[in-house]
């Protein structure tokens, strides 16, 4: 069956329900983390952060906020990388779902430089938050176009060094490959349905370029990455 990927769809995902909790939420977040690990999604973001950190002094204290952190899988990977590289980083994961934050805290209890907080990115609290690097992995596609512009504007204003977005390419090939992946690895109903919806809420490169022009970004790059991702890196050059 042919699927149209001409325009982004507005359909919501189960994970957009901030009251989702319990074993259903825990299983879904774990499956998403495994998919990211297997398809290399985590490595894309971690490599980007590592490259940016490599261009500054290892003695500099760097704060990184992960927007829409889920169960914290990305931040735990970052914490391990930073420890190996002897980097002085402080990591903060935020998510609007308090139950997801509870899961992240439990899974991250052995990390002393990793904290979590329940924050909605459209609340005043997030607008006042300052950091060096904002990381947004598989989160941006959850929002509508006007919300994306608002969120990106805030992150670009409040990040002193960079904003790193890692999100899905809207692609018919990706859609059908994910259906096959879901069947082979027997993903749960939420992961399967949300995954397909996520792809249809993903982006074309020209759409990210359009947002960049709208925000009048000066220094940025947009690169296609496997598996059907776009890595959008913005250098903010702000001062604290």
Protein backbone atom coordinates (compact mmCIF):
# COMPACT_ATOMS: atom_id res chain seq x y z
CA UNK A 1 0.00 0.00 0.00
CA UNK A 2 1.32 3.42 -0.98
CA UNK A 3 1.66 6.00 1.78
CA UNK A 4 1.82 9.74 1.18
CA UNK A 5 4.80 11.56 2.69
CA UNK A 6 4.25 14.86 0.91
CA UNK A 7 3.15 16.73 4.04
CA UNK A 8 3.65 16.25 7.77
CA UNK A 9 0.59 14.78 9.49
CA UNK A 10 -0.95 16.15 12.71
CA UNK A 11 -1.91 12.80 14.27
CA UNK A 12 -0.86 12.43 17.89
CA UNK A 13 1.09 9.51 19.32
CA UNK A 14 0.38 7.56 22.47
CA UNK A 15 3.55 8.98 23.99
CA UNK A 16 2.07 12.47 23.59
CA UNK A 17 -0.22 11.50 26.46
CA UNK A 18 1.71 12.72 29.50
CA UNK A 19 -0.47 10.58 31.76
CA UNK A 20 0.72 7.34 30.18
CA UNK A 21 2.36 5.28 32.94
CA UNK A 22 3.11 1.84 34.34
CA UNK A 23 4.44 -1.23 32.53
CA UNK A 24 3.01 -0.02 29.22
CA UNK A 25 5.07 3.18 29.33
CA UNK A 26 8.18 1.41 30.64
CA UNK A 27 8.05 -1.22 27.88
CA UNK A 28 7.48 1.40 25.17
CA UNK A 29 10.37 3.60 26.32
CA UNK A 30 12.67 0.59 26.51
CA UNK A 31 11.70 -0.53 23.00
CA UNK A 32 12.33 2.96 21.64
CA UNK A 33 15.75 2.99 23.32
CA UNK A 34 16.61 -0.40 21.80
CA UNK A 35 15.51 0.74 18.33
CA UNK A 36 17.74 3.82 18.63
CA UNK A 37 20.67 1.71 19.74
CA UNK A 38 20.24 -0.90 16.99
CA UNK A 39 19.73 1.62 14.17
CA UNK A 40 22.52 3.91 15.31
CA UNK A 41 20.37 6.86 16.35
CA UNK A 42 22.11 7.28 19.68
CA UNK A 43 25.54 7.21 18.08
CA UNK A 44 24.62 10.11 15.79
CA UNK A 45 23.82 12.42 18.71
CA UNK A 46 26.72 11.24 20.86
CA UNK A 47 29.24 11.71 18.05
CA UNK A 48 27.90 15.24 17.45
CA UNK A 49 28.23 16.13 21.14
CA UNK A 50 31.70 14.59 21.28
CA UNK A 51 32.82 16.65 18.28
CA UNK A 52 31.53 19.88 19.82
CA UNK A 53 33.10 19.13 23.20
CA UNK A 54 36.37 18.29 21.46
CA UNK A 55 36.61 21.87 20.20
CA UNK A 56 36.58 23.39 23.70
CA UNK A 57 38.79 23.05 26.75
CA UNK A 58 38.44 19.76 28.62
CA UNK A 59 38.50 21.77 31.85
CA UNK A 60 35.42 23.75 30.94
CA UNK A 61 32.28 22.81 32.85
CA UNK A 62 29.61 22.09 30.23
CA UNK A 63 25.89 21.70 30.89
CA UNK A 64 23.82 19.62 28.47
CA UNK A 65 20.03 19.45 28.52
CA UNK A 66 18.22 16.59 26.79
CA UNK A 67 14.76 17.75 25.71
CA UNK A 68 12.19 14.95 25.81
CA UNK A 69 14.59 12.55 27.51
CA UNK A 70 12.19 9.61 27.91
CA UNK A 71 13.81 6.94 30.09
CA UNK A 72 17.20 8.70 29.97
CA UNK A 73 18.93 6.19 27.69
CA UNK A 74 20.65 8.92 25.66
CA UNK A 75 21.94 10.73 28.73
CA UNK A 76 23.34 7.57 30.27
CA UNK A 77 25.24 6.93 27.05
CA UNK A 78 26.52 10.51 27.11
CA UNK A 79 27.57 10.17 30.74
CA UNK A 80 29.59 7.04 29.91
CA UNK A 81 31.25 8.78 26.96
CA UNK A 82 32.10 11.85 29.06
CA UNK A 83 33.63 9.67 31.76
CA UNK A 84 35.85 7.87 29.24
CA UNK A 85 36.94 11.19 27.76
CA UNK A 86 37.44 12.74 31.21
CA UNK A 87 35.06 15.58 30.34
CA UNK A 88 33.53 17.88 32.92
CA UNK A 89 29.84 17.71 32.00
CA UNK A 90 26.59 18.13 33.87
CA UNK A 91 23.58 16.43 32.30
CA UNK A 92 19.91 17.33 32.73
CA UNK A 93 17.04 15.38 31.22
CA UNK A 94 13.62 16.97 30.97
CA UNK A 95 10.31 15.45 29.97
CA UNK A 96 6.69 16.51 30.42
CA UNK A 97 5.67 13.02 31.51
CA UNK A 98 6.36 12.65 35.26
CA UNK A 99 6.17 8.86 35.02
CA UNK A 100 8.88 8.81 32.36
CA UNK A 101 11.07 10.94 34.61
CA UNK A 102 10.52 8.51 37.49
CA UNK A 103 11.70 5.65 35.25
CA UNK A 104 14.73 7.67 34.09
CA UNK A 105 15.72 8.48 37.67
CA UNK A 106 15.50 4.84 38.71
CA UNK A 107 17.59 3.65 35.75
CA UNK A 108 20.18 6.41 36.31
CA UNK A 109 20.69 6.06 40.06
CA UNK A 110 24.38 5.18 39.61
CA UNK A 111 25.23 8.38 37.72
CA UNK A 112 26.23 11.33 39.91
CA UNK A 113 26.32 13.95 37.13
CA UNK A 114 22.89 13.15 35.73
CA UNK A 115 19.67 14.82 36.90
CA UNK A 116 16.07 14.89 35.71
CA UNK A 117 13.16 17.27 36.00
CA UNK A 118 9.54 17.33 34.90
CA UNK A 119 9.21 20.37 32.61
CA UNK A 120 6.94 21.20 29.70
CA UNK A 121 9.04 22.96 27.05
CA UNK A 122 6.31 25.54 26.52
CA UNK A 123 6.20 26.56 30.17
CA UNK A 124 7.97 29.63 31.54
CA UNK A 125 10.32 27.42 33.54
CA UNK A 126 11.91 26.03 30.38
CA UNK A 127 12.21 29.49 28.87
CA UNK A 128 14.37 30.56 31.81
CA UNK A 129 16.61 27.49 31.75
CA UNK A 130 20.22 28.11 30.66
CA UNK A 131 22.66 25.51 29.32
CA UNK A 132 25.61 25.12 26.97
CA UNK A 133 24.22 22.47 24.66
CA UNK A 134 20.60 21.55 23.96
CA UNK A 135 20.06 18.01 22.69
CA UNK A 136 16.78 17.15 20.98
CA UNK A 137 16.63 13.54 19.80
CA UNK A 138 13.40 12.21 18.26
CA UNK A 139 11.43 14.91 20.07
CA UNK A 140 10.96 17.73 17.57
CA UNK A 141 8.59 15.79 15.32
CA UNK A 142 6.08 15.53 18.17
CA UNK A 143 5.20 19.21 17.73
CA UNK A 144 3.26 21.22 15.17
CA UNK A 145 5.11 23.60 12.86
CA UNK A 146 4.47 26.77 14.86
CA UNK A 147 5.44 25.00 18.09
CA UNK A 148 8.67 23.80 16.48
CA UNK A 149 9.65 27.36 15.59
CA UNK A 150 8.90 28.54 19.13
CA UNK A 151 10.86 25.72 20.75
CA UNK A 152 13.85 26.11 18.44
CA UNK A 153 13.92 29.86 19.07
CA UNK A 154 14.05 29.32 22.84
CA UNK A 155 16.77 26.66 22.64
CA UNK A 156 18.89 28.79 20.29
CA UNK A 157 18.57 31.77 22.64
CA UNK A 158 19.39 29.81 25.80
CA UNK A 159 22.15 27.47 24.58
CA UNK A 160 25.56 29.14 24.85
CA UNK A 161 27.32 26.76 22.44
CA UNK A 162 25.03 24.64 20.29
CA UNK A 163 21.65 23.05 19.63
CA UNK A 164 21.73 19.49 18.29
CA UNK A 165 18.60 18.03 16.69
CA UNK A 166 18.47 14.39 15.62
CA UNK A 167 15.12 13.52 14.07
CA UNK A 168 13.38 11.44 11.45
CA UNK A 169 13.28 11.86 7.71
CA UNK A 170 9.72 11.58 6.38
CA UNK A 171 10.13 8.77 3.90
CA UNK A 172 7.93 6.10 2.37
CA UNK A 173 10.85 3.69 2.34
CA UNK A 174 11.49 4.31 6.04
CA UNK A 175 7.78 3.76 6.77
CA UNK A 176 7.67 0.32 5.14
CA UNK A 177 11.05 -0.73 6.53
CA UNK A 178 9.85 0.12 10.03
CA UNK A 179 6.74 -2.01 9.51
CA UNK A 180 9.04 -4.91 8.67
CA UNK A 181 11.32 -4.13 11.62
CA UNK A 182 8.31 -4.04 13.97
CA UNK A 183 7.17 -7.45 12.76
CA UNK A 184 10.61 -9.08 12.92
CA UNK A 185 11.40 -7.79 16.41
CA UNK A 186 7.82 -8.10 17.68
CA UNK A 187 7.47 -4.55 18.98
CA UNK A 188 4.55 -3.76 21.26
CA UNK A 189 1.42 -2.10 19.84
CA UNK A 190 2.31 1.40 21.08
CA UNK A 191 5.88 1.28 19.76
CA UNK A 192 4.70 -0.02 16.40
CA UNK A 193 1.87 2.50 15.95
CA UNK A 194 3.85 5.46 17.32
CA UNK A 195 6.87 4.57 15.21
CA UNK A 196 4.87 4.71 11.99
CA UNK A 197 3.16 7.93 13.03
CA UNK A 198 6.53 9.42 13.97
CA UNK A 199 7.88 8.82 10.48
CA UNK A 200 4.88 10.57 8.96
CA UNK A 201 5.46 13.47 11.37
CA UNK A 202 9.13 13.58 10.40
CA UNK A 203 10.82 16.10 8.14
CA UNK A 204 12.09 16.82 4.68
CA UNK A 205 15.43 18.61 4.51
CA UNK A 206 13.89 21.66 2.89
CA UNK A 207 11.48 22.02 5.82
CA UNK A 208 14.37 22.20 8.28
CA UNK A 209 16.09 24.68 6.00
CA UNK A 210 12.91 26.77 5.94
CA UNK A 211 12.79 26.85 9.75
CA UNK A 212 16.47 27.86 9.79
CA UNK A 213 15.73 30.79 7.50
CA UNK A 214 12.68 31.79 9.55
CA UNK A 215 14.80 31.84 12.71
CA UNK A 216 17.57 33.69 10.84
CA UNK A 217 20.17 31.14 11.91
CA UNK A 218 23.67 32.08 10.83
CA UNK A 219 25.77 28.97 11.45
CA UNK A 220 24.15 25.57 11.03
CA UNK A 221 24.35 22.32 9.10
CA UNK A 222 21.78 19.70 8.13
CA UNK A 223 23.06 16.24 7.25
CA UNK A 224 21.26 13.03 6.30
CA UNK A 225 22.24 10.07 8.45
CA UNK A 226 21.37 6.40 8.55
CA UNK A 227 18.75 5.21 9.41
CA UNK A 228 16.63 7.90 7.75
CA UNK A 229 17.61 10.71 10.11
CA UNK A 230 18.57 14.33 9.84
CA UNK A 231 21.25 15.76 12.07
CA UNK A 232 20.69 19.50 12.44
CA UNK A 233 23.49 21.26 14.31
CA UNK A 234 23.22 24.93 15.16
CA UNK A 235 26.14 26.89 16.61
CA UNK A 236 24.66 29.64 18.74
CA UNK A 237 27.77 31.54 19.86
CA UNK A 238 25.85 32.99 22.80
CA UNK A 239 27.52 34.19 25.98
CA UNK A 240 26.25 33.36 29.41
